N, C-alpha and C. Protein backbone atom coordinates (compact mmCIF):
# COMPACT_ATOMS: atom_id res chain seq x y z
N MET A 1 0.90 -1.48 -0.01
CA MET A 1 0.02 0.02 -0.09
C MET A 1 0.85 1.22 0.19
N HIS A 2 0.24 2.34 -0.39
CA HIS A 2 1.08 3.61 -0.44
C HIS A 2 -0.21 4.84 0.04
N PHE A 3 0.26 5.57 1.02
CA PHE A 3 -0.48 6.72 1.19
C PHE A 3 0.21 8.06 0.75
N VAL A 4 -0.72 8.97 -0.01
CA VAL A 4 -0.27 10.26 -0.59
C VAL A 4 -1.13 10.84 0.27
N GLY A 5 -0.82 11.97 1.07
CA GLY A 5 -1.52 13.13 1.87
C GLY A 5 -0.59 13.48 2.94
N ASP A 6 -1.47 14.53 3.35
CA ASP A 6 -0.95 15.17 4.75
C ASP A 6 -1.79 14.79 5.87
N ILE A 7 -1.01 14.27 6.92
CA ILE A 7 -1.73 13.95 8.10
C ILE A 7 -0.74 14.61 9.21
N ARG A 8 -1.76 15.53 9.81
CA ARG A 8 -1.29 16.33 10.80
C ARG A 8 -1.08 15.64 12.32
N ARG A 9 0.32 15.48 12.55
CA ARG A 9 0.58 14.70 13.86
C ARG A 9 0.94 15.53 15.04
N HIS A 10 0.55 15.16 16.18
CA HIS A 10 0.43 15.72 17.52
C HIS A 10 1.66 15.14 18.15
N HIS A 11 2.29 16.13 19.01
CA HIS A 11 3.44 15.35 20.13
C HIS A 11 2.68 14.66 21.08
N VAL A 12 3.66 13.63 21.53
CA VAL A 12 2.74 12.79 22.43
C VAL A 12 4.21 12.61 23.20
N LYS A 13 3.82 12.28 24.98
CA LYS A 13 4.73 12.17 25.79
C LYS A 13 5.18 10.61 25.80
N SER A 14 6.20 10.56 25.21
CA SER A 14 6.95 9.17 24.99
C SER A 14 8.09 9.37 24.70
N THR A 15 9.23 8.15 25.11
CA THR A 15 10.52 8.02 24.78
C THR A 15 10.82 7.52 23.56
N ALA A 16 10.08 6.79 22.98
CA ALA A 16 9.94 6.01 21.85
C ALA A 16 9.33 6.69 20.63
N VAL A 17 8.20 7.43 21.05
CA VAL A 17 7.39 8.10 19.75
C VAL A 17 7.37 9.53 19.94
N ARG A 18 7.77 10.07 18.76
CA ARG A 18 7.62 11.63 19.08
C ARG A 18 6.37 12.01 18.76
N SER A 19 5.57 12.09 17.59
CA SER A 19 4.38 12.19 17.43
C SER A 19 3.48 11.28 16.70
N VAL A 20 1.94 11.81 16.48
CA VAL A 20 1.18 10.82 16.08
C VAL A 20 -0.02 11.44 15.74
N GLY A 21 -0.31 10.98 14.27
CA GLY A 21 -1.20 11.35 13.54
C GLY A 21 -2.15 10.48 13.04
N TYR A 22 -3.63 10.76 12.44
CA TYR A 22 -4.50 9.81 12.05
C TYR A 22 -5.55 10.53 11.25
N ASP A 23 -5.63 9.74 9.96
CA ASP A 23 -6.45 9.97 8.97
C ASP A 23 -7.79 9.33 9.08
N VAL A 24 -8.89 9.90 9.59
CA VAL A 24 -9.94 9.13 10.06
C VAL A 24 -10.66 8.58 8.56
N ASP A 25 -10.78 9.34 7.40
CA ASP A 25 -11.44 8.99 6.39
C ASP A 25 -10.83 7.60 5.76
N ASN A 26 -9.28 7.45 5.86
CA ASN A 26 -8.46 6.64 5.33
C ASN A 26 -8.08 5.35 6.07
N TRP A 27 -8.24 5.69 7.68
CA TRP A 27 -7.85 4.74 8.44
C TRP A 27 -6.38 4.52 8.33
N VAL A 28 -5.70 5.92 8.23
CA VAL A 28 -4.30 5.53 8.18
C VAL A 28 -3.57 6.26 9.55
N LEU A 29 -2.71 5.59 10.07
CA LEU A 29 -2.01 5.93 11.39
C LEU A 29 -0.75 6.25 11.12
N GLN A 30 -0.25 7.62 11.49
CA GLN A 30 0.92 8.02 11.09
C GLN A 30 1.82 8.20 12.17
N ILE A 31 2.99 7.58 12.26
CA ILE A 31 3.72 7.62 13.79
C ILE A 31 5.22 8.08 13.48
N GLU A 32 5.80 9.30 13.94
CA GLU A 32 7.04 9.49 13.99
C GLU A 32 7.83 9.21 15.20
N PHE A 33 8.86 8.36 15.16
CA PHE A 33 9.44 7.81 16.04
C PHE A 33 10.65 8.85 16.38
N ALA A 34 11.13 8.48 17.70
CA ALA A 34 12.18 9.11 18.48
C ALA A 34 13.44 9.51 17.40
N GLY A 35 13.73 8.56 16.89
CA GLY A 35 14.76 8.74 16.00
C GLY A 35 14.71 9.40 14.59
N GLY A 36 13.12 9.95 14.15
CA GLY A 36 13.19 10.57 13.16
C GLY A 36 12.30 10.14 12.17
N LYS A 37 12.12 8.76 12.31
CA LYS A 37 11.53 8.21 10.81
C LYS A 37 10.13 8.09 11.08
N VAL A 38 9.44 8.17 10.00
CA VAL A 38 8.00 8.50 10.01
C VAL A 38 7.25 7.33 9.33
N TYR A 39 6.36 6.43 9.86
CA TYR A 39 5.67 5.35 9.22
C TYR A 39 4.32 5.60 9.25
N ASN A 40 3.67 4.86 8.06
CA ASN A 40 2.15 5.13 8.00
C ASN A 40 1.89 3.50 7.99
N TYR A 41 0.84 3.43 9.14
CA TYR A 41 -0.01 2.19 9.24
C TYR A 41 -1.16 1.95 8.62
N PHE A 42 -1.86 1.23 7.80
CA PHE A 42 -2.90 1.02 7.03
C PHE A 42 -3.99 0.43 7.89
N ARG A 43 -5.33 0.63 7.60
CA ARG A 43 -6.37 0.25 8.03
C ARG A 43 -6.51 -0.23 9.57
N VAL A 44 -6.04 0.85 10.01
CA VAL A 44 -6.09 0.91 11.42
C VAL A 44 -7.46 1.66 11.91
N PRO A 45 -8.22 0.93 12.47
CA PRO A 45 -9.86 1.27 13.02
C PRO A 45 -9.49 2.54 14.13
N PRO A 46 -10.34 3.38 13.87
CA PRO A 46 -10.44 4.36 14.95
C PRO A 46 -10.00 4.10 16.46
N VAL A 47 -10.86 2.84 16.58
CA VAL A 47 -10.97 2.58 18.23
C VAL A 47 -9.52 2.24 18.36
N GLU A 48 -8.66 1.89 17.37
CA GLU A 48 -7.28 1.57 17.63
C GLU A 48 -6.73 2.69 17.90
N HIS A 49 -6.53 3.76 17.08
CA HIS A 49 -6.22 5.05 17.51
C HIS A 49 -6.33 5.75 18.79
N ALA A 50 -7.70 5.54 19.32
CA ALA A 50 -8.34 6.06 20.60
C ALA A 50 -7.38 5.37 21.61
N LYS A 51 -7.23 3.82 21.52
CA LYS A 51 -6.56 3.10 22.45
C LYS A 51 -5.15 3.59 22.56
N LEU A 52 -4.50 3.88 21.58
CA LEU A 52 -3.27 4.00 21.37
C LEU A 52 -2.72 5.65 22.14
N MET A 53 -3.81 6.49 22.06
CA MET A 53 -3.60 7.90 22.43
C MET A 53 -4.08 7.89 24.01
N LYS A 54 -4.67 6.80 24.66
CA LYS A 54 -5.05 6.66 25.85
C LYS A 54 -3.95 5.71 26.77
N ALA A 55 -3.16 4.94 26.06
CA ALA A 55 -2.22 3.91 26.52
C ALA A 55 -1.14 4.73 27.53
N ALA A 56 -0.94 3.99 28.63
CA ALA A 56 -0.22 4.04 29.70
C ALA A 56 1.35 4.44 29.12
N SER A 57 1.59 3.52 27.91
CA SER A 57 3.04 3.63 27.35
C SER A 57 2.60 3.63 25.75
N ILE A 58 2.82 4.59 25.12
CA ILE A 58 2.40 4.58 23.74
C ILE A 58 3.42 3.84 23.02
N GLY A 59 4.56 3.80 23.40
CA GLY A 59 5.97 2.83 22.67
C GLY A 59 5.47 1.42 22.77
N THR A 60 5.05 1.09 23.84
CA THR A 60 4.65 -0.53 24.28
C THR A 60 3.72 -0.70 23.38
N TYR A 61 2.73 0.24 23.25
CA TYR A 61 1.37 -0.26 22.77
C TYR A 61 1.56 -0.46 21.18
N VAL A 62 2.58 0.61 20.63
CA VAL A 62 2.72 0.69 19.11
C VAL A 62 3.35 -0.83 19.13
N ASN A 63 4.47 -1.20 19.86
CA ASN A 63 5.20 -2.31 19.57
C ASN A 63 4.09 -3.72 19.80
N ARG A 64 3.08 -3.86 20.69
CA ARG A 64 2.48 -4.88 21.07
C ARG A 64 1.16 -5.06 19.94
N GLU A 65 0.47 -3.80 19.76
CA GLU A 65 -0.76 -3.89 19.25
C GLU A 65 -1.00 -3.29 17.59
N ILE A 66 0.26 -2.60 17.27
CA ILE A 66 0.17 -1.86 15.76
C ILE A 66 0.98 -2.65 14.97
N LYS A 67 2.29 -2.50 15.61
CA LYS A 67 3.08 -3.14 14.33
C LYS A 67 2.96 -4.89 14.18
N PRO A 68 2.60 -5.54 14.94
CA PRO A 68 2.29 -6.80 14.62
C PRO A 68 1.13 -7.26 13.67
N TYR A 69 0.28 -6.30 13.51
CA TYR A 69 -1.09 -6.61 12.93
C TYR A 69 -1.45 -5.62 11.66
N PHE A 70 -0.66 -4.47 11.40
CA PHE A 70 -1.28 -3.37 10.72
C PHE A 70 0.04 -3.27 9.68
N GLU A 71 -0.45 -3.47 8.28
CA GLU A 71 0.81 -3.06 7.24
C GLU A 71 1.24 -1.80 7.20
N CYS A 72 2.49 -1.46 7.09
CA CYS A 72 3.18 -0.17 7.25
C CYS A 72 4.08 0.22 5.91
N GLU A 73 4.11 1.38 5.81
CA GLU A 73 5.26 1.84 4.99
C GLU A 73 5.85 3.07 5.47
N GLU A 74 7.21 3.21 5.14
CA GLU A 74 8.08 4.25 5.71
C GLU A 74 7.90 5.52 4.92
N GLU A 75 7.42 6.63 5.40
CA GLU A 75 7.17 7.84 4.80
C GLU A 75 8.45 8.31 4.25
N ASP A 76 8.58 8.52 2.72
CA ASP A 76 9.92 9.05 2.21
C ASP A 76 10.30 10.42 2.23
N GLY A 77 9.16 11.32 2.38
CA GLY A 77 9.10 12.78 2.70
C GLY A 77 9.11 13.25 1.31
N LEU A 78 8.95 12.59 0.29
CA LEU A 78 9.24 13.29 -0.99
C LEU A 78 7.52 13.32 -1.82
N ASP A 79 7.42 14.65 -2.28
CA ASP A 79 5.91 14.92 -2.82
C ASP A 79 6.07 14.35 -4.04
N GLU A 80 4.86 13.43 -4.62
CA GLU A 80 4.73 12.67 -5.91
C GLU A 80 3.90 13.63 -6.88
C-alpha cells in the first residue's frame, strides 16, 4: 500500500514516539518515532487510534498492538 496525503501529527509524551497523526477517512495511522523516521500504518480502525492515545505507554502499545497487525510503509518525505 501507499499513502499520499498530509496527516497532521501531534506531539506525544513518549521516549520512543515523537508524534502521532490519524487520517480518519482513510484509516491511516502515522507515527514519527524518536529517531525521526515516520511510518504510515494502514487499515487501523479509529478505536485502535483512540486506545493508542490513551495507553499508559505509547511505545509499548505500538510494539504490541500496532506493528504486529497492521501493514506499514516508511514515509519517504518526497512529494509525488
